[in-house]
Protein backbone atom coordinates (compact mmCIF):
# COMPACT_ATOMS: atom_id res chain seq x y z
CA UNK A 1 27.27 9.19 0.27
CA UNK A 2 24.41 12.17 0.32
CA UNK A 3 21.36 10.59 -1.83
CA UNK A 4 22.33 13.22 -4.92
CA UNK A 5 26.05 10.86 -5.40
CA UNK A 6 24.09 7.47 -4.56
CA UNK A 7 21.53 8.50 -7.56
CA UNK A 8 24.58 9.26 -9.94
CA UNK A 9 26.04 6.31 -9.41
CA UNK A 10 22.60 4.17 -9.53
CA UNK A 11 21.92 6.19 -13.09
CA UNK A 12 24.95 5.20 -14.35
CA UNK A 13 24.57 1.81 -13.45
CA UNK A 14 21.53 2.02 -15.34
CA UNK A 15 23.47 3.27 -18.73
CA UNK A 16 26.07 0.26 -18.04
CA UNK A 17 23.28 -2.51 -18.04
CA UNK A 18 21.46 -0.84 -21.07
CA UNK A 19 25.37 -1.23 -22.58
CA UNK A 20 25.68 -4.98 -21.41
CA UNK A 21 22.03 -5.95 -22.90
CA UNK A 22 22.66 -4.71 -26.31
CA UNK A 23 26.26 -6.60 -25.90
CA UNK A 24 24.29 -9.45 -25.79
CA UNK A 25 21.10 -8.96 -27.60
CA UNK A 26 21.88 -7.23 -30.23
CA UNK A 27 18.21 -6.86 -31.62
CA UNK A 28 17.21 -5.75 -27.88
CA UNK A 29 14.88 -2.56 -28.09
CA UNK A 30 15.85 0.42 -24.93
CA UNK A 31 13.02 2.02 -23.92
CA UNK A 32 13.91 4.32 -20.89
CA UNK A 33 15.75 3.71 -17.63
CA UNK A 34 15.91 5.69 -14.16
CA UNK A 35 16.77 5.72 -10.62
CA UNK A 36 14.26 4.31 -7.73
CA UNK A 37 14.66 4.72 -3.62
CA UNK A 38 16.32 1.58 -3.43
CA UNK A 39 18.30 0.93 -7.01
CA UNK A 40 17.59 1.11 -11.03
CA UNK A 41 15.68 -0.09 -13.38
CA UNK A 42 15.67 -0.06 -17.15
CA UNK A 43 12.59 -1.23 -19.82
CA UNK A 44 13.68 -2.76 -22.61
CA UNK A 45 12.46 -4.85 -25.37
CA UNK A 46 13.80 -8.11 -26.39
CA UNK A 47 13.05 -10.50 -29.34
CA UNK A 48 12.43 -13.74 -26.87
CA UNK A 49 11.10 -13.80 -23.13
CA UNK A 50 13.56 -12.66 -20.56
CA UNK A 51 13.47 -14.21 -17.09
CA UNK A 52 15.57 -14.24 -13.71
CA UNK A 53 17.76 -16.66 -15.59
CA UNK A 54 19.14 -14.57 -17.97
CA UNK A 55 20.25 -11.85 -14.92
CA UNK A 56 23.84 -13.43 -14.53
CA UNK A 57 25.03 -13.34 -17.95
CA UNK A 58 24.09 -9.84 -17.66
CA UNK A 59 25.83 -9.06 -14.60
CA UNK A 60 29.03 -10.39 -15.57
CA UNK A 61 28.91 -8.34 -18.74
CA UNK A 62 28.17 -5.32 -16.46
CA UNK A 63 31.46 -6.53 -14.00
CA UNK A 64 33.70 -6.92 -16.66
CA UNK A 65 33.16 -2.90 -18.52
CA UNK A 66 33.64 -2.34 -14.77
CA UNK A 67 36.85 -3.88 -14.94
CA UNK A 68 37.77 -1.77 -18.08
CA UNK A 69 37.09 1.20 -16.23
CA UNK A 70 35.24 2.72 -19.17
CA UNK A 71 34.33 6.22 -19.15
CA UNK A 72 31.57 8.19 -19.30
CA UNK A 73 30.95 11.22 -20.90
CA UNK A 74 27.60 14.19 -21.20
CA UNK A 75 26.95 16.57 -23.74
CA UNK A 76 25.01 18.25 -25.79
CA UNK A 77 23.52 17.04 -29.19
CA UNK A 78 21.98 18.69 -31.76
CA UNK A 79 18.44 16.57 -31.48
CA UNK A 80 18.19 15.77 -35.48
CA UNK A 81 21.73 14.17 -35.03
CA UNK A 82 20.80 12.22 -32.65
CA UNK A 83 17.75 11.10 -33.58
CA UNK A 84 19.87 10.15 -36.95
CA UNK A 85 21.61 7.40 -34.50
CA UNK A 86 18.78 6.22 -32.91
CA UNK A 87 17.48 5.48 -36.62
CA UNK A 88 20.56 3.64 -37.58
CA UNK A 89 20.65 1.71 -33.95
CA UNK A 90 16.86 0.48 -34.68
CA UNK A 91 15.76 2.02 -31.55
CA UNK A 92 12.39 3.21 -32.17
CA UNK A 93 11.72 3.78 -28.26
CA UNK A 94 14.54 6.68 -28.11
CA UNK A 95 13.33 8.05 -31.44
CA UNK A 96 9.72 8.31 -30.07
CA UNK A 97 11.13 9.94 -27.29
CA UNK A 98 13.36 12.10 -29.01
CA UNK A 99 10.18 13.10 -31.91
CA UNK A 100 8.29 14.24 -28.56
CA UNK A 101 10.56 16.06 -27.50
CA UNK A 102 10.66 19.80 -29.00
CA UNK A 103 14.31 20.71 -27.74
CA UNK A 104 16.55 21.77 -30.60
CA UNK A 105 19.60 20.09 -28.83
CA UNK A 106 19.37 16.97 -26.40
CA UNK A 107 21.81 15.83 -23.29
CA UNK A 108 22.97 12.14 -24.25
CA UNK A 109 25.70 10.06 -22.10
CA UNK A 110 28.57 8.36 -24.10
CA UNK A 111 30.36 5.10 -22.56
CA UNK A 112 33.46 3.65 -23.73
CA UNK A 113 35.35 4.86 -26.86
CA UNK A 114 31.99 5.66 -28.41
CA UNK A 115 30.33 2.30 -28.44
CA UNK A 116 27.30 3.56 -26.72
CA UNK A 117 24.90 6.57 -26.32
CA UNK A 118 22.04 7.20 -24.65
CA UNK A 119 19.81 9.97 -23.74
CA UNK A 120 20.42 11.64 -20.29
CA UNK A 121 19.44 14.35 -18.04
CA UNK A 122 21.10 13.32 -15.36
CA UNK A 123 24.90 13.34 -13.82
CA UNK A 124 27.09 10.28 -14.19
CA UNK A 125 30.36 9.18 -12.97
CA UNK A 126 33.64 9.94 -14.47
CA UNK A 127 34.17 6.16 -14.70
CA UNK A 128 32.89 2.50 -14.25
CA UNK A 129 34.96 1.60 -12.27
CA UNK A 130 33.03 3.11 -9.46
CA UNK A 131 30.12 1.02 -10.15
CA UNK A 132 31.87 -2.07 -8.43
CA UNK A 133 28.81 -2.76 -6.27
CA UNK A 134 26.65 -3.46 -8.73
CA UNK A 135 24.12 -6.42 -8.70
CA UNK A 136 21.08 -7.16 -10.50
CA UNK A 137 17.80 -7.45 -9.00
CA UNK A 138 14.62 -8.68 -10.56
CA UNK A 139 13.06 -9.09 -13.97
CA UNK A 140 9.51 -8.37 -14.03
CA UNK A 141 6.87 -6.20 -16.98
CA UNK A 142 5.80 -2.78 -17.90
CA UNK A 143 4.10 -1.19 -20.28
CA UNK A 144 5.78 1.25 -22.39
CA UNK A 145 4.81 4.71 -21.14
CA UNK A 146 3.02 2.94 -18.38
CA UNK A 147 0.12 2.59 -20.74
CA UNK A 148 -1.59 -0.58 -20.97
CA UNK A 149 -2.56 0.13 -24.55
CA UNK A 150 0.72 0.18 -25.74
CA UNK A 151 3.94 -2.91 -25.60
CA UNK A 152 4.86 -4.62 -22.68
CA UNK A 153 8.51 -4.51 -22.17
CA UNK A 154 10.88 -6.26 -19.80
CA UNK A 155 12.06 -4.34 -16.75
CA UNK A 156 15.20 -5.15 -15.37
CA UNK A 157 15.82 -3.47 -12.22
CA UNK A 158 19.09 -3.84 -10.16
CA UNK A 159 21.31 -1.69 -7.38
CA UNK A 160 24.21 -0.14 -6.85
CA UNK A 161 26.23 1.36 -3.59
CA UNK A 162 29.58 2.63 -2.98
CA UNK A 163 30.76 0.56 -0.57
CA UNK A 164 30.51 -3.69 -0.41
CA UNK A 165 28.99 -3.36 3.63
CA UNK A 166 26.30 -0.85 1.96
CA UNK A 167 25.29 -3.51 -1.05
CA UNK A 168 25.45 -6.45 1.87
CA UNK A 169 23.02 -4.38 3.97
CA UNK A 170 20.84 -4.04 1.43
CA UNK A 171 20.91 -7.56 0.14
CA UNK A 172 20.10 -8.95 3.83
CA UNK A 173 17.40 -6.39 3.93
CA UNK A 174 15.86 -7.32 0.71
CA UNK A 175 15.97 -10.88 1.99
CA UNK A 176 13.65 -9.67 5.66
CA UNK A 177 11.33 -7.74 2.92
CA UNK A 178 10.72 -10.99 0.66
CA UNK A 179 10.54 -13.26 3.63
CA UNK A 180 8.00 -10.72 5.42
CA UNK A 181 5.79 -10.02 1.98
CA UNK A 182 2.15 -10.34 2.17
CA UNK A 183 1.94 -11.34 -0.97
CA UNK A 184 3.75 -14.39 -0.07
CA UNK A 185 3.17 -15.09 3.45
CA UNK A 186 -0.45 -13.95 3.07
CA UNK A 187 -0.83 -17.30 0.98
CA UNK A 188 1.28 -19.74 3.48
CA UNK A 189 -0.71 -18.55 5.54
CA UNK A 190 -4.06 -19.23 4.23
CA UNK A 191 -5.19 -15.44 4.45
CA UNK A 192 -6.42 -14.39 0.97
CA UNK A 193 -5.48 -15.85 -2.69
CA UNK A 194 -5.86 -14.54 -6.46
CA UNK A 195 -7.17 -16.48 -9.18
CA UNK A 196 -5.80 -15.50 -12.15
CA UNK A 197 -8.81 -17.00 -14.42
CA UNK A 198 -11.10 -14.41 -12.55
CA UNK A 199 -9.35 -11.55 -12.82
CA UNK A 200 -6.05 -9.99 -11.16
CA UNK A 201 -6.44 -8.11 -9.01
CA UNK A 202 -9.70 -9.34 -7.39
CA UNK A 203 -9.35 -10.98 -4.39
CA UNK A 204 -10.49 -14.37 -2.47
CA UNK A 205 -10.86 -14.08 1.26
CA UNK A 206 -10.19 -17.11 3.34
CA UNK A 207 -12.37 -17.38 6.50
CA UNK A 208 -8.78 -16.71 8.14
CA UNK A 209 -8.54 -13.79 6.22
CA UNK A 210 -12.18 -12.42 6.19
CA UNK A 211 -12.04 -12.81 10.16
CA UNK A 212 -9.05 -10.19 10.16
CA UNK A 213 -11.08 -8.26 7.72
CA UNK A 214 -14.25 -7.78 9.48
CA UNK A 215 -12.41 -7.58 12.70
CA UNK A 216 -10.87 -4.16 11.73
CA UNK A 217 -14.36 -3.24 9.76
CA UNK A 218 -15.94 -3.79 13.37
CA UNK A 219 -12.92 -1.37 14.87
CA UNK A 220 -14.00 0.63 12.46
CA UNK A 221 -17.55 1.29 12.76
CA UNK A 222 -17.02 2.07 16.57
CA UNK A 223 -14.58 4.99 15.58
CA UNK A 224 -17.35 6.18 13.07
CA UNK A 225 -19.85 6.17 15.73
CA UNK A 226 -17.41 7.61 17.99
CA UNK A 227 -17.62 10.16 15.68
CA UNK A 228 -20.88 10.72 15.68
CA UNK A 229 -21.30 9.24 12.05
CA UNK A 230 -24.51 7.13 11.32
CA UNK A 231 -23.98 4.23 9.16
CA UNK A 232 -25.41 3.63 6.05
CA UNK A 233 -25.28 1.71 2.87
CA UNK A 234 -25.58 2.83 -0.53
CA UNK A 235 -25.55 1.19 -3.87
CA UNK A 236 -22.44 -0.36 -5.64
CA UNK A 237 -23.94 0.90 -9.13
CA UNK A 238 -24.94 3.69 -10.37
CA UNK A 239 -26.70 5.28 -13.37
CA UNK A 240 -23.86 6.94 -15.57
CA UNK A 241 -25.58 10.34 -15.21
CA UNK A 242 -25.44 10.25 -11.70
CA UNK A 243 -21.59 9.16 -11.36
CA UNK A 244 -19.73 12.35 -11.40
CA UNK A 245 -19.69 12.26 -8.20
CA UNK A 246 -18.79 8.94 -7.54
CA UNK A 247 -16.11 8.04 -10.23
CA UNK A 248 -12.60 8.40 -11.57
CA UNK A 249 -12.63 9.96 -15.40
CA UNK A 250 -14.62 8.36 -17.73
CA UNK A 251 -11.44 6.69 -19.62
CA UNK A 252 -11.38 4.36 -16.36
CA UNK A 253 -14.51 3.31 -15.46
CA UNK A 254 -14.14 -0.63 -15.04
CA UNK A 255 -17.75 -1.04 -16.37
CA UNK A 256 -20.39 0.73 -17.99
CA UNK A 257 -23.22 -1.02 -19.55
CA UNK A 258 -27.02 -0.85 -20.13
CA UNK A 259 -29.54 -3.07 -17.56
CA UNK A 260 -32.78 -3.51 -18.31
CA UNK A 261 -34.94 -4.20 -21.62
CA UNK A 262 -36.68 -0.84 -21.88
CA UNK A 263 -34.18 1.38 -20.37
CA UNK A 264 -31.24 3.44 -22.57
CA UNK A 265 -29.41 4.30 -19.24
CA UNK A 266 -26.25 3.03 -18.53
CA UNK A 267 -24.83 1.93 -14.90
CA UNK A 268 -21.08 2.19 -13.75
CA UNK A 269 -19.70 0.69 -10.68
CA UNK A 270 -18.89 3.31 -8.10
CA UNK A 271 -15.35 4.48 -7.09
CA UNK A 272 -15.97 6.68 -4.55
CA UNK A 273 -19.20 6.03 -1.92
CA UNK A 274 -19.00 10.54 -1.26
CA UNK A 275 -21.42 11.33 -3.85
CA UNK A 276 -24.11 8.95 -3.13
CA UNK A 277 -23.46 10.01 0.27
CA UNK A 278 -24.27 13.91 -0.61
CA UNK A 279 -27.48 12.49 -2.69
CA UNK A 280 -29.02 11.41 0.54
CA UNK A 281 -27.85 14.82 1.83
CA UNK A 282 -29.74 16.60 -1.16
CA UNK A 283 -33.65 14.07 -0.43
CA UNK A 284 -34.99 17.20 2.10
CA UNK A 285 -34.07 20.75 2.68
CA UNK A 286 -31.24 20.88 5.07
CA UNK A 287 -30.81 23.46 8.04
CA UNK A 288 -27.72 24.93 9.39
CA UNK A 289 -28.86 23.42 12.92
CA UNK A 290 -28.48 19.76 11.25
CA UNK A 291 -24.85 20.52 10.74
CA UNK A 292 -22.65 18.87 10.88
CA UNK A 293 -24.41 15.87 8.86
CA UNK A 294 -22.40 12.75 9.11
CA UNK A 295 -22.92 9.47 7.79
CA UNK A 296 -20.54 6.77 7.58
CA UNK A 297 -19.95 3.12 5.51
CA UNK A 298 -17.76 0.75 4.95
CA UNK A 299 -18.24 -0.70 1.48
CA UNK A 300 -16.44 -2.25 -1.39
CA UNK A 301 -15.30 -0.22 -4.39
CA UNK A 302 -13.59 -0.45 -7.62
CA UNK A 303 -11.37 1.54 -9.43
CA UNK A 304 -9.25 1.12 -12.70
CA UNK A 305 -5.66 0.27 -11.81
CA UNK A 306 -2.95 -1.11 -14.02
CA UNK A 307 -1.86 -3.90 -13.96
CA UNK A 308 1.93 -2.64 -14.11
CA UNK A 309 0.83 -0.93 -10.66
CA UNK A 310 -0.98 -3.50 -9.09
CA UNK A 311 0.59 -4.55 -5.67
CA UNK A 312 -1.18 -7.24 -4.00
CA UNK A 313 -3.57 -5.79 -1.07
CA UNK A 314 -1.21 -2.75 -1.13
CA UNK A 315 -2.91 -1.75 -4.56
CA UNK A 316 -5.57 -3.83 -5.71
CA UNK A 317 -8.72 -3.27 -8.11
CA UNK A 318 -11.42 -4.37 -5.66
CA UNK A 319 -10.95 -3.26 -2.04
CA UNK A 320 -12.76 -2.01 1.29
CA UNK A 321 -12.69 1.17 2.05
CA UNK A 322 -14.00 2.94 5.29
CA UNK A 323 -15.75 6.37 4.45
CA UNK A 324 -17.16 8.99 6.30
CA UNK A 325 -18.64 11.62 4.72
CA UNK A 326 -19.05 15.15 6.93
CA UNK A 327 -21.12 18.03 5.55
CA UNK A 328 -20.13 20.66 7.93
CA UNK A 329 -19.58 24.70 7.71
CA UNK A 330 -16.67 26.39 7.63
CA UNK A 331 -16.72 27.48 11.48
CA UNK A 332 -16.95 23.71 11.87
CA UNK A 333 -14.02 22.46 10.06
CA UNK A 334 -11.37 23.00 12.97
CA UNK A 335 -13.39 20.69 14.96
CA UNK A 336 -14.16 18.36 12.64
CA UNK A 337 -10.67 17.81 11.11
CA UNK A 338 -9.18 17.70 14.06
CA UNK A 339 -11.44 14.73 15.74
CA UNK A 340 -10.80 12.97 12.26
CA UNK A 341 -7.02 13.62 12.46
CA UNK A 342 -6.84 12.17 16.00
CA UNK A 343 -8.79 9.57 15.42
CA UNK A 344 -6.42 8.57 12.81
CA UNK A 345 -3.56 8.90 14.81
CA UNK A 346 -5.14 6.85 17.12
CA UNK A 347 -6.06 4.16 14.68
CA UNK A 348 -1.68 3.87 13.73
CA UNK A 349 -1.35 3.80 17.73
CA UNK A 350 -3.86 1.05 18.59
CA UNK A 351 -2.06 -1.74 15.78
CA UNK A 352 1.43 -0.81 16.55
CA UNK A 353 2.31 2.04 14.61
CA UNK A 354 4.04 4.79 16.39
CA UNK A 355 6.14 5.64 13.51
CA UNK A 356 4.18 8.22 11.17
CA UNK A 357 3.84 11.23 9.70
CA UNK A 358 1.24 13.40 8.68
CA UNK A 359 1.33 15.80 5.34
CA UNK A 360 -1.20 17.79 3.81
CA UNK A 361 -1.02 19.53 0.46
CA UNK A 362 -3.07 21.95 -1.26
CA UNK A 363 -4.22 22.76 -4.82
CA UNK A 364 -2.99 25.69 -7.11
CA UNK A 365 -4.88 28.78 -5.78
CA UNK A 366 -7.04 30.29 -8.53
CA UNK A 367 -9.43 33.23 -6.60
CA UNK A 368 -9.14 34.73 -3.78
CA UNK A 369 -11.97 32.87 -2.65
CA UNK A 370 -9.53 29.97 -2.21
CA UNK A 371 -7.11 31.36 -1.56
CA UNK A 372 -8.85 32.32 2.19
CA UNK A 373 -9.98 28.74 2.41
CA UNK A 374 -6.72 27.01 2.16
CA UNK A 375 -5.22 29.90 4.30
CA UNK A 376 -7.90 29.01 6.76
CA UNK A 377 -7.07 25.37 6.52
CA UNK A 378 -3.10 26.28 6.72
CA UNK A 379 -4.09 27.83 10.14
CA UNK A 380 -6.37 25.00 11.23
CA UNK A 381 -3.60 22.45 10.84
CA UNK A 382 -0.71 24.59 12.79
CA UNK A 383 -2.97 24.69 15.67
CA UNK A 384 -4.52 21.36 15.66
CA UNK A 385 -0.57 20.38 15.56
CA UNK A 386 0.63 22.51 18.59
CA UNK A 387 -2.48 21.92 20.69
CA UNK A 388 -1.79 18.47 20.81
CA UNK A 389 1.84 17.89 20.06
CA UNK A 390 1.75 15.93 16.50
CA UNK A 391 4.05 17.19 13.27
CA UNK A 392 1.74 17.97 10.71
CA UNK A 393 3.96 19.18 7.77
CA UNK A 394 3.18 20.70 4.26
CA UNK A 395 4.29 17.66 1.22
CA UNK A 396 5.87 19.40 -1.81
CA UNK A 397 5.17 17.61 -4.31
CA UNK A 398 5.24 17.92 -8.38
CA UNK A 399 1.70 15.60 -8.42
CA UNK A 400 -1.07 18.39 -8.46
CA UNK A 401 -3.85 17.86 -6.53
CA UNK A 402 -8.07 19.46 -7.04
CA UNK A 403 -8.93 19.64 -3.37
CA UNK A 404 -7.00 19.84 -0.38
CA UNK A 405 -5.82 16.61 1.26
CA UNK A 406 -4.09 15.40 4.59
CA UNK A 407 -2.54 12.06 4.08
CA UNK A 408 -1.32 9.74 7.18
CA UNK A 409 1.33 6.95 6.16
CA UNK A 410 3.21 4.64 8.24
CA UNK A 411 6.36 3.37 8.78
CA UNK A 412 6.47 -0.90 9.13
CA UNK A 413 9.35 -2.51 11.01
CA UNK A 414 11.70 -2.60 7.92
CA UNK A 415 11.06 0.99 7.80
CA UNK A 416 8.61 0.70 4.38
CA UNK A 417 6.34 3.85 3.94
CA UNK A 418 2.60 2.88 3.58
CA UNK A 419 -0.18 5.36 3.20
CA UNK A 420 -2.89 4.65 5.36
CA UNK A 421 -5.78 7.56 6.24
CA UNK A 422 -6.33 10.48 4.15
CA UNK A 423 -9.36 13.80 4.97
CA UNK A 424 -9.89 15.54 1.67
CA UNK A 425 -11.33 19.29 2.34
CA UNK A 426 -13.71 19.71 -0.44
CA UNK A 427 -14.62 23.75 -0.87
CA UNK A 428 -15.57 23.52 -4.36
CA UNK A 429 -17.80 20.23 -4.72
CA UNK A 430 -20.80 21.31 -2.95
CA UNK A 431 -20.79 24.75 -5.14
CA UNK A 432 -20.53 22.60 -8.14
CA UNK A 433 -22.93 20.36 -7.48
CA UNK A 434 -25.10 23.01 -5.68
CA UNK A 435 -24.83 21.16 -2.49
CA UNK A 436 -26.84 23.75 -0.12
CA UNK A 437 -28.18 24.52 3.49
CA UNK A 438 -30.02 27.14 4.69
CA UNK A 439 -28.23 29.21 7.12
CA UNK A 440 -29.44 31.32 10.05
CA UNK A 441 -30.22 34.14 7.52
CA UNK A 442 -33.07 32.33 5.85
CA UNK A 443 -30.62 31.73 2.85
CA UNK A 444 -29.11 29.00 0.52
CA UNK A 445 -25.52 28.53 1.67
CA UNK A 446 -23.01 25.99 0.44
CA UNK A 447 -21.00 23.48 2.89
CA UNK A 448 -18.09 22.62 3.11
CA UNK A 449 -17.69 18.58 2.41
CA UNK A 450 -15.41 16.26 4.35
CA UNK A 451 -14.34 12.82 3.13
CA UNK A 452 -12.47 10.75 5.44
CA UNK A 453 -11.36 7.22 5.40
CA UNK A 454 -8.94 5.78 8.08
CA UNK A 455 -7.50 2.72 6.84
CA UNK A 456 -7.18 3.90 3.48
CA UNK A 457 -8.14 0.42 2.66
CA UNK A 458 -8.43 -2.28 4.86
CA UNK A 459 -6.46 -4.68 2.08
CA UNK A 460 -3.78 -2.12 2.67
CA UNK A 461 -3.66 -2.52 6.32
CA UNK A 462 -4.10 -5.73 6.87
CA UNK A 463 -1.11 -6.63 4.19
CA UNK A 464 1.04 -3.92 6.27
CA UNK A 465 -0.02 -5.77 9.02
CA UNK A 466 1.25 -8.66 7.77
CA UNK A 467 4.39 -7.70 7.34
CA UNK A 468 5.26 -5.61 10.07
CA UNK A 469 4.61 -8.42 12.31
CA UNK A 470 6.17 -10.99 10.28
CA UNK A 471 2.76 -12.75 10.03
CA UNK A 472 2.27 -13.21 13.74
CA UNK A 473 -1.22 -10.60 14.15
CA UNK A 474 -1.96 -9.07 17.26
CA UNK A 475 -4.33 -11.18 19.50
CA UNK A 476 -7.66 -9.54 18.62
CA UNK A 477 -7.04 -9.67 14.89
CA UNK A 478 -6.02 -13.62 14.71
CA UNK A 479 -8.25 -16.22 13.64
CA UNK A 480 -6.70 -19.15 15.45
CA UNK A 481 -5.12 -17.59 18.54
CA UNK A 482 -4.83 -20.71 20.46
CA UNK A 483 -3.81 -24.31 19.56
CA UNK A 484 -3.97 -27.40 22.04
CA UNK A 485 -0.89 -29.88 21.45
CA UNK A 486 -1.45 -33.55 23.36
CA UNK A 487 1.75 -34.98 23.46
CA UNK A 488 0.17 -38.66 22.75
CA UNK A 489 -3.20 -39.93 22.04
CA UNK A 490 -3.62 -40.40 25.94
CA UNK A 491 -4.19 -36.54 26.09
CA UNK A 492 -6.81 -36.42 23.32
CA UNK A 493 -10.13 -36.21 25.77
CA UNK A 494 -8.28 -33.98 28.23
CA UNK A 495 -7.24 -31.95 25.24
CA UNK A 496 -10.68 -31.45 23.99
CA UNK A 497 -11.93 -30.38 27.53
CA UNK A 498 -9.62 -27.49 27.40
CA UNK A 499 -10.62 -26.82 23.93
CA UNK A 500 -14.13 -26.52 25.21
CA UNK A 501 -13.60 -24.26 28.60
CA UNK A 502 -11.76 -21.92 25.86
CA UNK A 503 -14.65 -22.10 23.49
CA UNK A 504 -17.00 -21.86 26.28
CA UNK A 505 -15.10 -18.67 27.32
CA UNK A 506 -15.48 -16.97 24.00
CA UNK A 507 -11.98 -18.03 22.86
CA UNK A 508 -11.59 -19.30 19.90
CA UNK A 509 -9.33 -22.50 19.77
CA UNK A 510 -8.23 -25.35 17.88
CA UNK A 511 -6.48 -28.79 18.82
CA UNK A 512 -3.97 -30.78 16.85
CA UNK A 513 -4.74 -34.32 17.07
CA UNK A 514 -1.64 -35.45 14.06
CA UNK A 515 -0.28 -38.32 14.92
CA UNK A 516 2.87 -36.94 15.04
CA UNK A 517 5.85 -36.29 17.94
CA UNK A 518 4.87 -33.33 19.60
CA UNK A 519 7.99 -31.42 18.45
CA UNK A 520 6.55 -31.61 15.32
CA UNK A 521 3.16 -30.20 16.33
CA UNK A 522 5.31 -27.51 17.54
CA UNK A 523 6.83 -26.60 14.50
CA UNK A 524 3.75 -26.67 12.26
CA UNK A 525 1.71 -24.38 15.06
CA UNK A 526 5.30 -21.82 14.72
CA UNK A 527 4.95 -21.73 11.47
CA UNK A 528 1.38 -21.83 11.15
CA UNK A 529 2.24 -17.84 13.65
CA UNK A 530 -0.30 -19.55 16.07
CA UNK A 531 0.11 -16.78 19.07
CA UNK A 532 -0.46 -19.57 21.42
CA UNK A 533 0.20 -23.20 22.03
CA UNK A 534 -1.19 -25.21 24.83
CA UNK A 535 1.14 -28.20 25.38
CA UNK A 536 -0.89 -30.72 27.26
CA UNK A 537 0.40 -34.02 28.43
CA UNK A 538 0.65 -36.87 31.40
CA UNK A 539 1.74 -33.91 33.77
CA UNK A 540 -0.59 -31.25 32.98
CA UNK A 541 -3.72 -33.89 33.09
CA UNK A 542 -2.60 -34.98 36.44
CA UNK A 543 -2.24 -31.54 37.50
CA UNK A 544 -5.52 -29.71 35.74
CA UNK A 545 -3.09 -27.29 34.00
CA UNK A 546 -1.55 -26.54 31.14
CA UNK A 547 1.94 -25.71 29.90
CA UNK A 548 2.19 -22.32 27.40
CA UNK A 549 4.22 -21.69 24.31
CA UNK A 550 4.32 -18.51 23.08
CA UNK A 551 4.82 -17.53 19.33
CA UNK A 552 8.89 -16.21 18.93
CA UNK A 553 9.72 -16.63 23.16
CA UNK A 554 9.19 -20.24 23.88
CA UNK A 555 8.02 -21.93 26.84
CA UNK A 556 5.99 -20.01 29.57
CA UNK A 557 5.17 -22.55 31.76
CA UNK A 558 2.76 -24.79 33.76
CA UNK A 559 -0.18 -21.62 34.17
CA UNK A 560 -3.89 -23.03 35.46
CA UNK A 561 -6.35 -22.35 32.88
CA UNK A 562 -8.38 -19.50 34.72
CA UNK A 563 -5.45 -17.85 34.50
CA UNK A 564 -4.46 -17.96 31.22
CA UNK A 565 -8.16 -17.34 29.99
CA UNK A 566 -8.50 -14.29 32.13
CA UNK A 567 -4.60 -12.89 30.47
CA UNK A 568 -5.40 -13.82 27.05
CA UNK A 569 -9.08 -12.20 27.74
CA UNK A 570 -7.24 -8.98 28.87
CA UNK A 571 -5.00 -8.79 25.83
CA UNK A 572 -7.72 -9.21 23.29
CA UNK A 573 -9.69 -6.73 25.15
CA UNK A 574 -7.56 -3.75 25.13
CA UNK A 575 -6.18 -4.82 21.61
CA UNK A 576 -2.28 -5.12 23.06
CA UNK A 577 0.05 -5.99 20.24
CA UNK A 578 1.99 -7.59 22.87
CA UNK A 579 1.54 -10.94 24.27
CA UNK A 580 -0.45 -10.86 28.06
CA UNK A 581 2.21 -13.58 29.14
CA UNK A 582 5.97 -12.30 28.09
């Protein structure tokens, strides 16, 4: 079934959902519905709170409509007639949508013998019988029109497929996605937590999670140095009259308040670091001989994010981002973008993500200079793509961009797409903010500013890693790579000796002294996603060896301690995402 036909099914199922809700909840107020990549949704206001416990009754009502094979009819009606209909039905959200429309006639869908009518801007099925493979999935909150100053509606999500087999596959896939969800697994494994009393979207890192984040940060710092960037650190706060280069629109600033008894200046928390970097560039007159000028920083950023858009570590209000700001001439653009792109590709591959895509977006070209700049950039990307056999395509999107940008997105083991790396080529910003350098002709020239982040955010990368590897991260990112399990209390001293040897050789290791049977210790280590379990019993103690188990693979067998250490150190140093012993 084509995507178009599948969207038709799902949009029709969304309308049937709205009809079922009104049949069961006469005073419900319908918002808007739509189709997603995986299903459909309807945002609805209920007079009483709605939870997932209310879904079975709605599901049953939908199936009744399906068995009756209610007919769907599309038509165009006079706008005033439709307004009168929804006014009579006491549907204020529908009326608001109509009031904002300048059209004189609007599309509507009718189901059954005029029993239900809704606004429609898409194709629908002829009869409800083809919607028998429809299920409701979830209940969540969604602000009306995505505005957190408007009413919070209840979003009911569902999906629909043509066949029972396709639906079963989806249900199985969804269960696996839920099992791997970093918000569930990360909390269970003790990586991070969120305290509602402190604030939504603000992350508490445990030692285990902090270790992963710091390891990634150290790795990225190495990338920055290899790219020729000098590491800097800039303030988290800035006076609001100096934050133009650092902020999203003023209406989206999270914090802005006066600091100091004698000061009338307001301060805001940064949402980018490029402005601070360019401030440093402007501290002295710069010559063309100093270009490219590069600085790198890994620091905290705080951004306004609507509650409905928060997604654990994938999208938080406070996050850690690596940023390289490059100031260069137009002649240096190709070399700089090439080196940044290759590093981003290497970063993805080093973490085990070989399935990725690179796309670029260009803003609307309004002047001759812009046209020349963007033609140059497109040619540069084409050359890099051909030279390194990397596919780089232009993304066609309705979303407006103000500066040219290149985005690398990875696909995890479940084929979920996550945006990581981004390069922004800022042609106009230096001219707007009078960032210049002295050229070989002795005149001031406007450079090009390139802002790049390899990770997007360290939090987003960690979330993707947890889901991709189902919690078993590559060894170099693992807080507890080895756990020693003595079979009985008689082997505890030997177990402590093994742990000491490992630690003396630079390997992090713990010991499970719990008196429970060995099977229980192994089960717990498996659940904790410990990569290597060393079992020491009477035989191992006698022969001065260790018995090794590998997460997900079981028993490897008896090994000499030195052999084990050598293999594990090699796995860590190579940053391999596969076990050295399997």
